[in-house]
Amino acid sequence: MEIAAITAAILFGLVAVFQVLLAFGFPLGEAAMGGSHRVLPANLRAASALNALLLIFMAGIVLQHAFQFSDLLRFLPTTILMWGIIIFMGINTLMNLISRSKKERLIMTPVSGLLFILCLWVV
């Protein structure tokens, strides 16, 4: 379980970095949010910034659930939050799979699918 949690946290972190790059206007938009834009417009760049924060939060929840490393976070209902993350990642995987963007289907579908499996394993 610990290896799965660490792997998931690393993957969440890598996807968060990808989202930050999108938010800063890097031309990677073909692999995200339907792939309609090479460089995301301002509203989608803001969404990418929020996505990055959400992904970092999810990484923290996975680690907290697996290791209970922080007394400050013990108040979090990590089992409930983990199931929320699992449902989110399952839907995310399906959305990536049906995306019109070939890059999104080829890159993000396996990443989100792996995150779904890893989070399921951690629970």
PDB file of N, CA and C in Angstrom:
ATOM      1  N   MET A   1       0.813  -1.192   0.000  1.00  0.00           N
ATOM      2  CA  MET A   1       0.000   0.000   0.000  1.00  0.00           C
ATOM      3  C   MET A   1       0.860   1.262   0.000  1.00  0.00           C
ATOM      4  N   GLU A   2       1.971   1.229   0.730  1.00  0.00           N
ATOM      5  CA  GLU A   2       2.816   2.412   0.828  1.00  0.00           C
ATOM      6  C   GLU A   2       3.425   2.779  -0.526  1.00  0.00           C
ATOM      7  N   ILE A   3       3.879   1.771  -1.275  1.00  0.00           N
ATOM      8  CA  ILE A   3       4.468   2.037  -2.587  1.00  0.00           C
ATOM      9  C   ILE A   3       3.417   2.612  -3.528  1.00  0.00           C
ATOM     10  N   ALA A   4       2.206   2.098  -3.454  1.00  0.00           N
ATOM     11  CA  ALA A   4       1.110   2.611  -4.288  1.00  0.00           C
ATOM     12  C   ALA A   4       0.816   4.070  -3.941  1.00  0.00           C
ATOM     13  N   ALA A   5       0.809   4.394  -2.662  1.00  0.00           N
ATOM     14  CA  ALA A   5       0.528   5.766  -2.230  1.00  0.00           C
ATOM     15  C   ALA A   5       1.621   6.718  -2.693  1.00  0.00           C
ATOM     16  N   ILE A   6       2.861   6.315  -2.546  1.00  0.00           N
ATOM     17  CA  ILE A   6       3.976   7.166  -2.977  1.00  0.00           C
ATOM     18  C   ILE A   6       3.950   7.347  -4.488  1.00  0.00           C
ATOM     19  N   THR A   7       3.709   6.264  -5.219  1.00  0.00           N
ATOM     20  CA  THR A   7       3.634   6.343  -6.678  1.00  0.00           C
ATOM     21  C   THR A   7       2.495   7.264  -7.104  1.00  0.00           C
ATOM     22  N   ALA A   8       1.339   7.132  -6.471  1.00  0.00           N
ATOM     23  CA  ALA A   8       0.200   7.995  -6.788  1.00  0.00           C
ATOM     24  C   ALA A   8       0.528   9.453  -6.499  1.00  0.00           C
ATOM     25  N   ALA A   9       1.145   9.716  -5.360  1.00  0.00           N
ATOM     26  CA  ALA A   9       1.493  11.095  -5.004  1.00  0.00           C
ATOM     27  C   ALA A   9       2.464  11.690  -6.019  1.00  0.00           C
ATOM     28  N   ILE A  10       3.431  10.900  -6.456  1.00  0.00           N
ATOM     29  CA  ILE A  10       4.383  11.377  -7.470  1.00  0.00           C
ATOM     30  C   ILE A  10       3.656  11.677  -8.779  1.00  0.00           C
ATOM     31  N   LEU A  11       2.769  10.776  -9.194  1.00  0.00           N
ATOM     32  CA  LEU A  11       2.011  11.003 -10.430  1.00  0.00           C
ATOM     33  C   LEU A  11       1.108  12.229 -10.311  1.00  0.00           C
ATOM     34  N   PHE A  12       0.435  12.379  -9.180  1.00  0.00           N
ATOM     35  CA  PHE A  12      -0.379  13.582  -8.976  1.00  0.00           C
ATOM     36  C   PHE A  12       0.499  14.830  -9.075  1.00  0.00           C
ATOM     37  N   GLY A  13       1.688  14.761  -8.493  1.00  0.00           N
ATOM     38  CA  GLY A  13       2.614  15.892  -8.563  1.00  0.00           C
ATOM     39  C   GLY A  13       3.054  16.198  -9.981  1.00  0.00           C
ATOM     40  N   LEU A  14       3.338  15.170 -10.765  1.00  0.00           N
ATOM     41  CA  LEU A  14       3.746  15.381 -12.155  1.00  0.00           C
ATOM     42  C   LEU A  14       2.616  15.992 -12.985  1.00  0.00           C
ATOM     43  N   VAL A  15       1.408  15.521 -12.765  1.00  0.00           N
ATOM     44  CA  VAL A  15       0.269  16.092 -13.493  1.00  0.00           C
ATOM     45  C   VAL A  15       0.029  17.529 -13.025  1.00  0.00           C
ATOM     46  N   ALA A  16       0.263  17.807 -11.745  1.00  0.00           N
ATOM     47  CA  ALA A  16       0.145  19.176 -11.248  1.00  0.00           C
ATOM     48  C   ALA A  16       1.158  20.088 -11.928  1.00  0.00           C
ATOM     49  N   VAL A  17       2.380  19.611 -12.105  1.00  0.00           N
ATOM     50  CA  VAL A  17       3.401  20.401 -12.820  1.00  0.00           C
ATOM     51  C   VAL A  17       2.938  20.667 -14.257  1.00  0.00           C
ATOM     52  N   PHE A  18       2.393  19.647 -14.906  1.00  0.00           N
ATOM     53  CA  PHE A  18       1.847  19.804 -16.258  1.00  0.00           C
ATOM     54  C   PHE A  18       0.768  20.892 -16.264  1.00  0.00           C
ATOM     55  N   GLN A  19      -0.127  20.878 -15.274  1.00  0.00           N
ATOM     56  CA  GLN A  19      -1.183  21.878 -15.190  1.00  0.00           C
ATOM     57  C   GLN A  19      -0.619  23.279 -14.956  1.00  0.00           C
ATOM     58  N   VAL A  20       0.428  23.380 -14.152  1.00  0.00           N
ATOM     59  CA  VAL A  20       1.075  24.683 -13.927  1.00  0.00           C
ATOM     60  C   VAL A  20       1.675  25.193 -15.235  1.00  0.00           C
ATOM     61  N   LEU A  21       2.317  24.312 -15.986  1.00  0.00           N
ATOM     62  CA  LEU A  21       2.869  24.714 -17.282  1.00  0.00           C
ATOM     63  C   LEU A  21       1.764  25.212 -18.207  1.00  0.00           C
ATOM     64  N   LEU A  22       0.634  24.520 -18.221  1.00  0.00           N
ATOM     65  CA  LEU A  22      -0.507  24.985 -19.014  1.00  0.00           C
ATOM     66  C   LEU A  22      -0.970  26.360 -18.537  1.00  0.00           C
ATOM     67  N   ALA A  23      -1.031  26.549 -17.228  1.00  0.00           N
ATOM     68  CA  ALA A  23      -1.482  27.819 -16.661  1.00  0.00           C
ATOM     69  C   ALA A  23      -0.555  28.965 -17.042  1.00  0.00           C
ATOM     70  N   PHE A  24       0.726  28.664 -17.203  1.00  0.00           N
ATOM     71  CA  PHE A  24       1.695  29.691 -17.594  1.00  0.00           C
ATOM     72  C   PHE A  24       1.789  29.878 -19.100  1.00  0.00           C
ATOM     73  N   GLY A  25       0.947  29.182 -19.852  1.00  0.00           N
ATOM     74  CA  GLY A  25       0.887  29.409 -21.287  1.00  0.00           C
ATOM     75  C   GLY A  25       1.801  28.554 -22.138  1.00  0.00           C
ATOM     76  N   PHE A  26       2.352  27.502 -21.578  1.00  0.00           N
ATOM     77  CA  PHE A  26       3.164  26.607 -22.393  1.00  0.00           C
ATOM     78  C   PHE A  26       2.263  25.933 -23.434  1.00  0.00           C
ATOM     79  N   PRO A  27       2.777  25.694 -24.633  1.00  0.00           N
ATOM     80  CA  PRO A  27       1.951  25.136 -25.724  1.00  0.00           C
ATOM     81  C   PRO A  27       1.739  23.621 -25.604  1.00  0.00           C
ATOM     82  N   LEU A  28       1.076  23.222 -24.547  1.00  0.00           N
ATOM     83  CA  LEU A  28       0.820  21.805 -24.280  1.00  0.00           C
ATOM     84  C   LEU A  28      -0.674  21.492 -24.250  1.00  0.00           C
ATOM     85  N   GLY A  29      -1.479  22.449 -24.676  1.00  0.00           N
ATOM     86  CA  GLY A  29      -2.920  22.329 -24.552  1.00  0.00           C
ATOM     87  C   GLY A  29      -3.546  21.211 -25.366  1.00  0.00           C
ATOM     88  N   GLU A  30      -2.828  20.704 -26.370  1.00  0.00           N
ATOM     89  CA  GLU A  30      -3.380  19.608 -27.176  1.00  0.00           C
ATOM     90  C   GLU A  30      -3.519  18.319 -26.371  1.00  0.00           C
ATOM     91  N   ALA A  31      -2.855  18.251 -25.226  1.00  0.00           N
ATOM     92  CA  ALA A  31      -2.923  17.046 -24.385  1.00  0.00           C
ATOM     93  C   ALA A  31      -3.832  17.236 -23.178  1.00  0.00           C
ATOM     94  N   ALA A  32      -4.630  18.310 -23.187  1.00  0.00           N
ATOM     95  CA  ALA A  32      -5.468  18.593 -22.021  1.00  0.00           C
ATOM     96  C   ALA A  32      -6.764  19.277 -22.432  1.00  0.00           C
ATOM     97  N   MET A  33      -7.771  19.103 -21.619  1.00  0.00           N
ATOM     98  CA  MET A  33      -9.050  19.802 -21.747  1.00  0.00           C
ATOM     99  C   MET A  33      -9.641  19.723 -23.153  1.00  0.00           C
ATOM    100  N   GLY A  34      -9.615  18.544 -23.711  1.00  0.00           N
ATOM    101  CA  GLY A  34     -10.199  18.320 -25.026  1.00  0.00           C
ATOM    102  C   GLY A  34      -9.260  18.569 -26.183  1.00  0.00           C
ATOM    103  N   GLY A  35      -8.112  19.162 -25.922  1.00  0.00           N
ATOM    104  CA  GLY A  35      -7.106  19.360 -26.956  1.00  0.00           C
ATOM    105  C   GLY A  35      -7.431  20.391 -28.004  1.00  0.00           C
ATOM    106  N   SER A  36      -8.397  21.257 -27.754  1.00  0.00           N
ATOM    107  CA  SER A  36      -8.817  22.239 -28.754  1.00  0.00           C
ATOM    108  C   SER A  36      -7.842  23.400 -28.917  1.00  0.00           C
ATOM    109  N   HIS A  37      -7.003  23.610 -27.943  1.00  0.00           N
ATOM    110  CA  HIS A  37      -6.098  24.760 -27.954  1.00  0.00           C
ATOM    111  C   HIS A  37      -4.660  24.305 -27.758  1.00  0.00           C
ATOM    112  N   ARG A  38      -3.768  24.860 -28.544  1.00  0.00           N
ATOM    113  CA  ARG A  38      -2.346  24.588 -28.323  1.00  0.00           C
ATOM    114  C   ARG A  38      -1.889  25.316 -27.061  1.00  0.00           C
ATOM    115  N   VAL A  39      -2.230  26.605 -26.995  1.00  0.00           N
ATOM    116  CA  VAL A  39      -2.020  27.411 -25.787  1.00  0.00           C
ATOM    117  C   VAL A  39      -3.411  27.721 -25.249  1.00  0.00           C
ATOM    118  N   LEU A  40      -3.623  27.411 -23.993  1.00  0.00           N
ATOM    119  CA  LEU A  40      -4.958  27.593 -23.412  1.00  0.00           C
ATOM    120  C   LEU A  40      -5.312  29.069 -23.291  1.00  0.00           C
ATOM    121  N   PRO A  41      -6.589  29.404 -23.528  1.00  0.00           N
ATOM    122  CA  PRO A  41      -7.045  30.775 -23.282  1.00  0.00           C
ATOM    123  C   PRO A  41      -7.075  31.055 -21.775  1.00  0.00           C
ATOM    124  N   ALA A  42      -7.245  32.314 -21.443  1.00  0.00           N
ATOM    125  CA  ALA A  42      -7.132  32.756 -20.040  1.00  0.00           C
ATOM    126  C   ALA A  42      -8.032  31.970 -19.088  1.00  0.00           C
ATOM    127  N   ASN A  43      -9.277  31.723 -19.474  1.00  0.00           N
ATOM    128  CA  ASN A  43     -10.182  31.028 -18.548  1.00  0.00           C
ATOM    129  C   ASN A  43      -9.732  29.588 -18.303  1.00  0.00           C
ATOM    130  N   LEU A  44      -9.225  28.911 -19.336  1.00  0.00           N
ATOM    131  CA  LEU A  44      -8.730  27.544 -19.142  1.00  0.00           C
ATOM    132  C   LEU A  44      -7.380  27.528 -18.431  1.00  0.00           C
ATOM    133  N   ARG A  45      -6.611  28.593 -18.598  1.00  0.00           N
ATOM    134  CA  ARG A  45      -5.343  28.686 -17.850  1.00  0.00           C
ATOM    135  C   ARG A  45      -5.632  28.817 -16.356  1.00  0.00           C
ATOM    136  N   ALA A  46      -6.659  29.594 -16.020  1.00  0.00           N
ATOM    137  CA  ALA A  46      -7.063  29.720 -14.612  1.00  0.00           C
ATOM    138  C   ALA A  46      -7.555  28.369 -14.089  1.00  0.00           C
ATOM    139  N   ALA A  47      -8.301  27.650 -14.915  1.00  0.00           N
ATOM    140  CA  ALA A  47      -8.778  26.317 -14.514  1.00  0.00           C
ATOM    141  C   ALA A  47      -7.594  25.380 -14.294  1.00  0.00           C
ATOM    142  N   SER A  48      -6.571  25.491 -15.127  1.00  0.00           N
ATOM    143  CA  SER A  48      -5.375  24.652 -14.948  1.00  0.00           C
ATOM    144  C   SER A  48      -4.678  24.961 -13.631  1.00  0.00           C
ATOM    145  N   ALA A  49      -4.619  26.225 -13.271  1.00  0.00           N
ATOM    146  CA  ALA A  49      -4.003  26.597 -11.986  1.00  0.00           C
ATOM    147  C   ALA A  49      -4.789  25.980 -10.832  1.00  0.00           C
ATOM    148  N   LEU A  50      -6.111  26.043 -10.916  1.00  0.00           N
ATOM    149  CA  LEU A  50      -6.938  25.423  -9.872  1.00  0.00           C
ATOM    150  C   LEU A  50      -6.775  23.903  -9.875  1.00  0.00           C
ATOM    151  N   ASN A  51      -6.680  23.319 -11.064  1.00  0.00           N
ATOM    152  CA  ASN A  51      -6.454  21.868 -11.161  1.00  0.00           C
ATOM    153  C   ASN A  51      -5.156  21.472 -10.478  1.00  0.00           C
ATOM    154  N   ALA A  52      -4.120  22.284 -10.662  1.00  0.00           N
ATOM    155  CA  ALA A  52      -2.830  21.975 -10.028  1.00  0.00           C
ATOM    156  C   ALA A  52      -2.975  21.941  -8.512  1.00  0.00           C
ATOM    157  N   LEU A  53      -3.692  22.909  -7.959  1.00  0.00           N
ATOM    158  CA  LEU A  53      -3.911  22.926  -6.507  1.00  0.00           C
ATOM    159  C   LEU A  53      -4.711  21.705  -6.060  1.00  0.00           C
ATOM    160  N   LEU A  54      -5.725  21.356  -6.814  1.00  0.00           N
ATOM    161  CA  LEU A  54      -6.541  20.185  -6.489  1.00  0.00           C
ATOM    162  C   LEU A  54      -5.703  18.911  -6.533  1.00  0.00           C
ATOM    163  N   LEU A  55      -4.844  18.799  -7.522  1.00  0.00           N
ATOM    164  CA  LEU A  55      -3.990  17.610  -7.648  1.00  0.00           C
ATOM    165  C   LEU A  55      -3.009  17.490  -6.480  1.00  0.00           C
ATOM    166  N   ILE A  56      -2.459  18.609  -6.041  1.00  0.00           N
ATOM    167  CA  ILE A  56      -1.557  18.593  -4.881  1.00  0.00           C
ATOM    168  C   ILE A  56      -2.333  18.194  -3.623  1.00  0.00           C
ATOM    169  N   PHE A  57      -3.563  18.698  -3.494  1.00  0.00           N
ATOM    170  CA  PHE A  57      -4.415  18.304  -2.373  1.00  0.00           C
ATOM    171  C   PHE A  57      -4.675  16.799  -2.410  1.00  0.00           C
ATOM    172  N   MET A  58      -4.971  16.264  -3.602  1.00  0.00           N
ATOM    173  CA  MET A  58      -5.223  14.827  -3.724  1.00  0.00           C
ATOM    174  C   MET A  58      -3.980  14.025  -3.340  1.00  0.00           C
ATOM    175  N   ALA A  59      -2.811  14.482  -3.762  1.00  0.00           N
ATOM    176  CA  ALA A  59      -1.574  13.788  -3.383  1.00  0.00           C
ATOM    177  C   ALA A  59      -1.431  13.763  -1.862  1.00  0.00           C
ATOM    178  N   GLY A  60      -1.732  14.885  -1.220  1.00  0.00           N
ATOM    179  CA  GLY A  60      -1.652  14.955   0.232  1.00  0.00           C
ATOM    180  C   GLY A  60      -2.641  14.017   0.914  1.00  0.00           C
ATOM    181  N   ILE A  61      -3.842  13.923   0.362  1.00  0.00           N
ATOM    182  CA  ILE A  61      -4.851  13.024   0.934  1.00  0.00           C
ATOM    183  C   ILE A  61      -4.385  11.574   0.826  1.00  0.00           C
ATOM    184  N   VAL A  62      -3.856  11.204  -0.332  1.00  0.00           N
ATOM    185  CA  VAL A  62      -3.380   9.825  -0.527  1.00  0.00           C
ATOM    186  C   VAL A  62      -2.277   9.508   0.483  1.00  0.00           C
ATOM    187  N   LEU A  63      -1.323  10.412   0.626  1.00  0.00           N
ATOM    188  CA  LEU A  63      -0.225  10.171   1.576  1.00  0.00           C
ATOM    189  C   LEU A  63      -0.727  10.143   3.017  1.00  0.00           C
ATOM    190  N   GLN A  64      -1.627  11.062   3.346  1.00  0.00           N
ATOM    191  CA  GLN A  64      -2.174  11.082   4.706  1.00  0.00           C
ATOM    192  C   GLN A  64      -2.941   9.797   4.989  1.00  0.00           C
ATOM    193  N   HIS A  65      -3.716   9.322   4.016  1.00  0.00           N
ATOM    194  CA  HIS A  65      -4.483   8.099   4.216  1.00  0.00           C
ATOM    195  C   HIS A  65      -3.559   6.900   4.442  1.00  0.00           C
ATOM    196  N   ALA A  66      -2.475   6.854   3.679  1.00  0.00           N
ATOM    197  CA  ALA A  66      -1.578   5.697   3.762  1.00  0.00           C
ATOM    198  C   ALA A  66      -0.673   5.734   4.985  1.00  0.00           C
ATOM    199  N   PHE A  67      -0.245   6.925   5.377  1.00  0.00           N
ATOM    200  CA  PHE A  67       0.788   7.016   6.419  1.00  0.00           C
ATOM    201  C   PHE A  67       0.348   7.697   7.698  1.00  0.00           C
ATOM    202  N   GLN A  68      -0.770   8.430   7.679  1.00  0.00           N
ATOM    203  CA  GLN A  68      -1.202   9.206   8.847  1.00  0.00           C
ATOM    204  C   GLN A  68      -0.022   9.990   9.416  1.00  0.00           C
ATOM    205  N   PHE A  69       0.670  10.725   8.531  1.00  0.00           N
ATOM    206  CA  PHE A  69       1.920  11.379   8.911  1.00  0.00           C
ATOM    207  C   PHE A  69       1.767  12.693   9.637  1.00  0.00           C
ATOM    208  N   SER A  70       0.597  13.271   9.650  1.00  0.00           N
ATOM    209  CA  SER A  70       0.466  14.588  10.252  1.00  0.00           C
ATOM    210  C   SER A  70      -0.689  14.631  11.239  1.00  0.00           C
ATOM    211  N   ASP A  71      -0.391  15.020  12.455  1.00  0.00           N
ATOM    212  CA  ASP A  71      -1.451  15.206  13.441  1.00  0.00           C
ATOM    213  C   ASP A  71      -2.374  16.349  13.023  1.00  0.00           C
ATOM    214  N   LEU A  72      -1.841  17.313  12.273  1.00  0.00           N
ATOM    215  CA  LEU A  72      -2.632  18.454  11.832  1.00  0.00           C
ATOM    216  C   LEU A  72      -3.739  18.037  10.863  1.00  0.00           C
ATOM    217  N   LEU A  73      -3.525  16.945  10.144  1.00  0.00           N
ATOM    218  CA  LEU A  73      -4.487  16.511   9.134  1.00  0.00           C
ATOM    219  C   LEU A  73      -5.350  15.334   9.586  1.00  0.00           C
ATOM    220  N   ARG A  74      -5.226  14.927  10.831  1.00  0.00           N
ATOM    221  CA  ARG A  74      -5.999  13.765  11.305  1.00  0.00           C
ATOM    222  C   ARG A  74      -7.499  14.005  11.295  1.00  0.00           C
ATOM    223  N   PHE A  75      -7.897  15.271  11.274  1.00  0.00           N
ATOM    224  CA  PHE A  75      -9.328  15.576  11.267  1.00  0.00           C
ATOM    225  C   PHE A  75      -9.963  15.270   9.909  1.00  0.00           C
ATOM    226  N   LEU A  76      -9.151  15.103   8.869  1.00  0.00           N
ATOM    227  CA  LEU A  76      -9.690  14.841   7.537  1.00  0.00           C
ATOM    228  C   LEU A  76     -10.262  13.426   7.445  1.00  0.00           C
ATOM    229  N   PRO A  77     -11.455  13.297   6.897  1.00  0.00           N
ATOM    230  CA  PRO A  77     -12.035  11.962   6.692  1.00  0.00           C
ATOM    231  C   PRO A  77     -11.414  11.336   5.442  1.00  0.00           C
ATOM    232  N   THR A  78     -10.195  10.825   5.575  1.00  0.00           N
ATOM    233  CA  THR A  78      -9.440  10.410   4.388  1.00  0.00           C
ATOM    234  C   THR A  78     -10.092   9.263   3.621  1.00  0.00           C
ATOM    235  N   THR A  79     -10.793   8.370   4.291  1.00  0.00           N
ATOM    236  CA  THR A  79     -11.439   7.275   3.560  1.00  0.00           C
ATOM    237  C   THR A  79     -12.509   7.826   2.623  1.00  0.00           C
ATOM    238  N   ILE A  80     -13.315   8.744   3.122  1.00  0.00           N
ATOM    239  CA  ILE A  80     -14.346   9.359   2.280  1.00  0.00           C
ATOM    240  C   ILE A  80     -13.691  10.145   1.142  1.00  0.00           C
ATOM    241  N   LEU A  81     -12.670  10.917   1.475  1.00  0.00           N
ATOM    242  CA  LEU A  81     -11.981  11.701   0.449  1.00  0.00           C
ATOM    243  C   LEU A  81     -11.317  10.790  -0.589  1.00  0.00           C
ATOM    244  N   MET A  82     -10.760   9.677  -0.148  1.00  0.00           N
ATOM    245  CA  MET A  82     -10.144   8.738  -1.087  1.00  0.00           C
ATOM    246  C   MET A  82     -11.178   8.189  -2.060  1.00  0.00           C
ATOM    247  N   TRP A  83     -12.369   7.862  -1.564  1.00  0.00           N
ATOM    248  CA  TRP A  83     -13.412   7.358  -2.468  1.00  0.00           C
ATOM    249  C   TRP A  83     -13.845   8.449  -3.442  1.00  0.00           C
ATOM    250  N   GLY A  84     -13.862   9.693  -2.990  1.00  0.00           N
ATOM    251  CA  GLY A  84     -14.143  10.810  -3.891  1.00  0.00           C
ATOM    252  C   GLY A  84     -13.089  10.932  -4.977  1.00  0.00           C
ATOM    253  N   ILE A  85     -11.823  10.775  -4.594  1.00  0.00           N
ATOM    254  CA  ILE A  85     -10.723  10.821  -5.562  1.00  0.00           C
ATOM    255  C   ILE A  85     -10.842   9.664  -6.547  1.00  0.00           C
ATOM    256  N   ILE A  86     -11.175   8.484  -6.049  1.00  0.00           N
ATOM    257  CA  ILE A  86     -11.312   7.310  -6.923  1.00  0.00           C
ATOM    258  C   ILE A  86     -12.426   7.538  -7.947  1.00  0.00           C
ATOM    259  N   ILE A  87     -13.557   8.038  -7.495  1.00  0.00           N
ATOM    260  CA  ILE A  87     -14.664   8.311  -8.417  1.00  0.00           C
ATOM    261  C   ILE A  87     -14.239   9.371  -9.435  1.00  0.00           C
ATOM    262  N   PHE A  88     -13.604  10.432  -8.953  1.00  0.00           N
ATOM    263  CA  PHE A  88     -13.128  11.498  -9.842  1.00  0.00           C
ATOM    264  C   PHE A  88     -12.159  10.951 -10.882  1.00  0.00           C
ATOM    265  N   MET A  89     -11.201  10.127 -10.443  1.00  0.00           N
ATOM    266  CA  MET A  89     -10.215   9.591 -11.377  1.00  0.00           C
ATOM    267  C   MET A  89     -10.849   8.610 -12.365  1.00  0.00           C
ATOM    268  N   GLY A  90     -11.860   7.876 -11.931  1.00  0.00           N
ATOM    269  CA  GLY A  90     -12.569   6.994 -12.857  1.00  0.00           C
ATOM    270  C   GLY A  90     -13.271   7.787 -13.950  1.00  0.00           C
ATOM    271  N   ILE A  91     -13.969   8.845 -13.555  1.00  0.00           N
ATOM    272  CA  ILE A  91     -14.638   9.708 -14.535  1.00  0.00           C
ATOM    273  C   ILE A  91     -13.610  10.394 -15.427  1.00  0.00           C
ATOM    274  N   ASN A  92     -12.524  10.861 -14.821  1.00  0.00           N
ATOM    275  CA  ASN A  92     -11.453  11.523 -15.572  1.00  0.00           C
ATOM    276  C   ASN A  92     -10.870  10.577 -16.622  1.00  0.00           C
ATOM    277  N   THR A  93     -10.673   9.332 -16.252  1.00  0.00           N
ATOM    278  CA  THR A  93     -10.135   8.343 -17.191  1.00  0.00           C
ATOM    279  C   THR A  93     -11.089   8.163 -18.370  1.00  0.00           C
ATOM    280  N   LEU A  94     -12.378   8.038 -18.080  1.00  0.00           N
ATOM    281  CA  LEU A  94     -13.370   7.883 -19.151  1.00  0.00           C
ATOM    282  C   LEU A  94     -13.415   9.117 -20.050  1.00  0.00           C
ATOM    283  N   MET A  95     -13.341  10.299 -19.465  1.00  0.00           N
ATOM    284  CA  MET A  95     -13.366  11.531 -20.257  1.00  0.00           C
ATOM    285  C   MET A  95     -12.120  11.638 -21.137  1.00  0.00           C
ATOM    286  N   ASN A  96     -10.964  11.266 -20.594  1.00  0.00           N
ATOM    287  CA  ASN A  96      -9.744  11.275 -21.406  1.00  0.00           C
ATOM    288  C   ASN A  96      -9.846  10.259 -22.538  1.00  0.00           C
ATOM    289  N   LEU A  97     -10.453   9.122 -22.262  1.00  0.00           N
ATOM    290  CA  LEU A  97     -10.582   8.056 -23.255  1.00  0.00           C
ATOM    291  C   LEU A  97     -11.455   8.478 -24.436  1.00  0.00           C
ATOM    292  N   ILE A  98     -12.466   9.288 -24.190  1.00  0.00           N
ATOM    293  CA  ILE A  98     -13.354   9.710 -25.277  1.00  0.00           C
ATOM    294  C   ILE A  98     -13.006  11.088 -25.845  1.00  0.00           C
ATOM    295  N   SER A  99     -11.899  11.663 -25.402  1.00  0.00           N
ATOM    296  CA  SER A  99     -11.483  12.974 -25.889  1.00  0.00           C
ATOM    297  C   SER A  99     -11.259  12.961 -27.397  1.00  0.00           C
ATOM    298  N   ARG A 100     -11.519  14.083 -28.038  1.00  0.00           N
ATOM    299  CA  ARG A 100     -11.233  14.215 -29.465  1.00  0.00           C
ATOM    300  C   ARG A 100      -9.734  14.359 -29.717  1.00  0.00           C
ATOM    301  N   SER A 101      -8.987  14.677 -28.668  1.00  0.00           N
ATOM    302  CA  SER A 101      -7.544  14.875 -28.797  1.00  0.00           C
ATOM    303  C   SER A 101      -6.810  13.534 -28.695  1.00  0.00           C
ATOM    304  N   LYS A 102      -6.095  13.199 -29.750  1.00  0.00           N
ATOM    305  CA  LYS A 102      -5.317  11.962 -29.752  1.00  0.00           C
ATOM    306  C   LYS A 102      -4.251  11.994 -28.652  1.00  0.00           C
ATOM    307  N   LYS A 103      -3.604  13.154 -28.477  1.00  0.00           N
ATOM    308  CA  LYS A 103      -2.566  13.278 -27.448  1.00  0.00           C
ATOM    309  C   LYS A 103      -3.146  13.061 -26.057  1.00  0.00           C
ATOM    310  N   GLU A 104      -4.319  13.604 -25.828  1.00  0.00           N
ATOM    311  CA  GLU A 104      -4.953  13.422 -24.514  1.00  0.00           C
ATOM    312  C   GLU A 104      -5.305  11.953 -24.292  1.00  0.00           C
ATOM    313  N   ARG A 105      -5.839  11.308 -25.312  1.00  0.00           N
ATOM    314  CA  ARG A 105      -6.180   9.885 -25.190  1.00  0.00           C
ATOM    315  C   ARG A 105      -4.929   9.045 -24.934  1.00  0.00           C
ATOM    316  N   LEU A 106      -3.851   9.323 -25.647  1.00  0.00           N
ATOM    317  CA  LEU A 106      -2.642   8.498 -25.538  1.00  0.00           C
ATOM    318  C   LEU A 106      -1.823   8.771 -24.278  1.00  0.00           C
ATOM    319  N   ILE A 107      -1.853  10.006 -23.804  1.00  0.00           N
ATOM    320  CA  ILE A 107      -1.009  10.375 -22.651  1.00  0.00           C
ATOM    321  C   ILE A 107      -1.796  10.364 -21.353  1.00  0.00           C
ATOM    322  N   MET A 108      -2.897  11.090 -21.330  1.00  0.00           N
ATOM    323  CA  MET A 108      -3.591  11.305 -20.067  1.00  0.00           C
ATOM    324  C   MET A 108      -4.490  10.134 -19.652  1.00  0.00           C
ATOM    325  N   THR A 109      -5.008   9.378 -20.625  1.00  0.00           N
ATOM    326  CA  THR A 109      -5.846   8.224 -20.250  1.00  0.00           C
ATOM    327  C   THR A 109      -5.068   7.213 -19.415  1.00  0.00           C
ATOM    328  N   PRO A 110      -3.868   6.790 -19.855  1.00  0.00           N
ATOM    329  CA  PRO A 110      -3.130   5.832 -19.008  1.00  0.00           C
ATOM    330  C   PRO A 110      -2.725   6.418 -17.657  1.00  0.00           C
ATOM    331  N   VAL A 111      -2.386   7.705 -17.637  1.00  0.00           N
ATOM    332  CA  VAL A 111      -1.983   8.324 -16.367  1.00  0.00           C
ATOM    333  C   VAL A 111      -3.160   8.345 -15.399  1.00  0.00           C
ATOM    334  N   SER A 112      -4.317   8.821 -15.865  1.00  0.00           N
ATOM    335  CA  SER A 112      -5.471   8.875 -14.960  1.00  0.00           C
ATOM    336  C   SER A 112      -5.964   7.471 -14.608  1.00  0.00           C
ATOM    337  N   GLY A 113      -5.869   6.532 -15.544  1.00  0.00           N
ATOM    338  CA  GLY A 113      -6.249   5.150 -15.245  1.00  0.00           C
ATOM    339  C   GLY A 113      -5.348   4.532 -14.191  1.00  0.00           C
ATOM    340  N   LEU A 114      -4.051   4.788 -14.305  1.00  0.00           N
ATOM    341  CA  LEU A 114      -3.103   4.283 -13.307  1.00  0.00           C
ATOM    342  C   LEU A 114      -3.375   4.921 -11.946  1.00  0.00           C
ATOM    343  N   LEU A 115      -3.663   6.225 -11.928  1.00  0.00           N
ATOM    344  CA  LEU A 115      -3.995   6.884 -10.666  1.00  0.00           C
ATOM    345  C   LEU A 115      -5.265   6.289 -10.052  1.00  0.00           C
ATOM    346  N   PHE A 116      -6.244   5.992 -10.886  1.00  0.00           N
ATOM    347  CA  PHE A 116      -7.468   5.336 -10.406  1.00  0.00           C
ATOM    348  C   PHE A 116      -7.125   4.014  -9.721  1.00  0.00           C
ATOM    349  N   ILE A 117      -6.322   3.177 -10.367  1.00  0.00           N
ATOM    350  CA  ILE A 117      -5.951   1.865  -9.823  1.00  0.00           C
ATOM    351  C   ILE A 117      -5.126   2.023  -8.543  1.00  0.00           C
ATOM    352  N   LEU A 118      -4.149   2.933  -8.555  1.00  0.00           N
ATOM    353  CA  LEU A 118      -3.302   3.124  -7.383  1.00  0.00           C
ATOM    354  C   LEU A 118      -4.123   3.599  -6.179  1.00  0.00           C
ATOM    355  N   CYS A 119      -5.032   4.544  -6.403  1.00  0.00           N
ATOM    356  CA  CYS A 119      -5.865   5.037  -5.302  1.00  0.00           C
ATOM    357  C   CYS A 119      -6.794   3.959  -4.791  1.00  0.00           C
ATOM    358  N   LEU A 120      -7.316   3.153  -5.691  1.00  0.00           N
ATOM    359  CA  LEU A 120      -8.151   2.024  -5.273  1.00  0.00           C
ATOM    360  C   LEU A 120      -7.346   1.055  -4.408  1.00  0.00           C
ATOM    361  N   TRP A 121      -6.115   0.828  -4.783  1.00  0.00           N
ATOM    362  CA  TRP A 121      -5.231  -0.052  -4.022  1.00  0.00           C
ATOM    363  C   TRP A 121      -4.944   0.522  -2.632  1.00  0.00           C
ATOM    364  N   VAL A 122      -4.735   1.833  -2.570  1.00  0.00           N
ATOM    365  CA  VAL A 122      -4.428   2.470  -1.283  1.00  0.00           C
ATOM    366  C   VAL A 122      -5.607   2.344  -0.315  1.00  0.00           C
ATOM    367  N   VAL A 123      -6.820   2.463  -0.827  1.00  0.00           N
ATOM    368  CA  VAL A 123      -8.005   2.341   0.028  1.00  0.00           C
ATOM    369  C   VAL A 123      -8.103   0.907   0.520  1.00  0.00           C
TER     370      VAL A 123
END
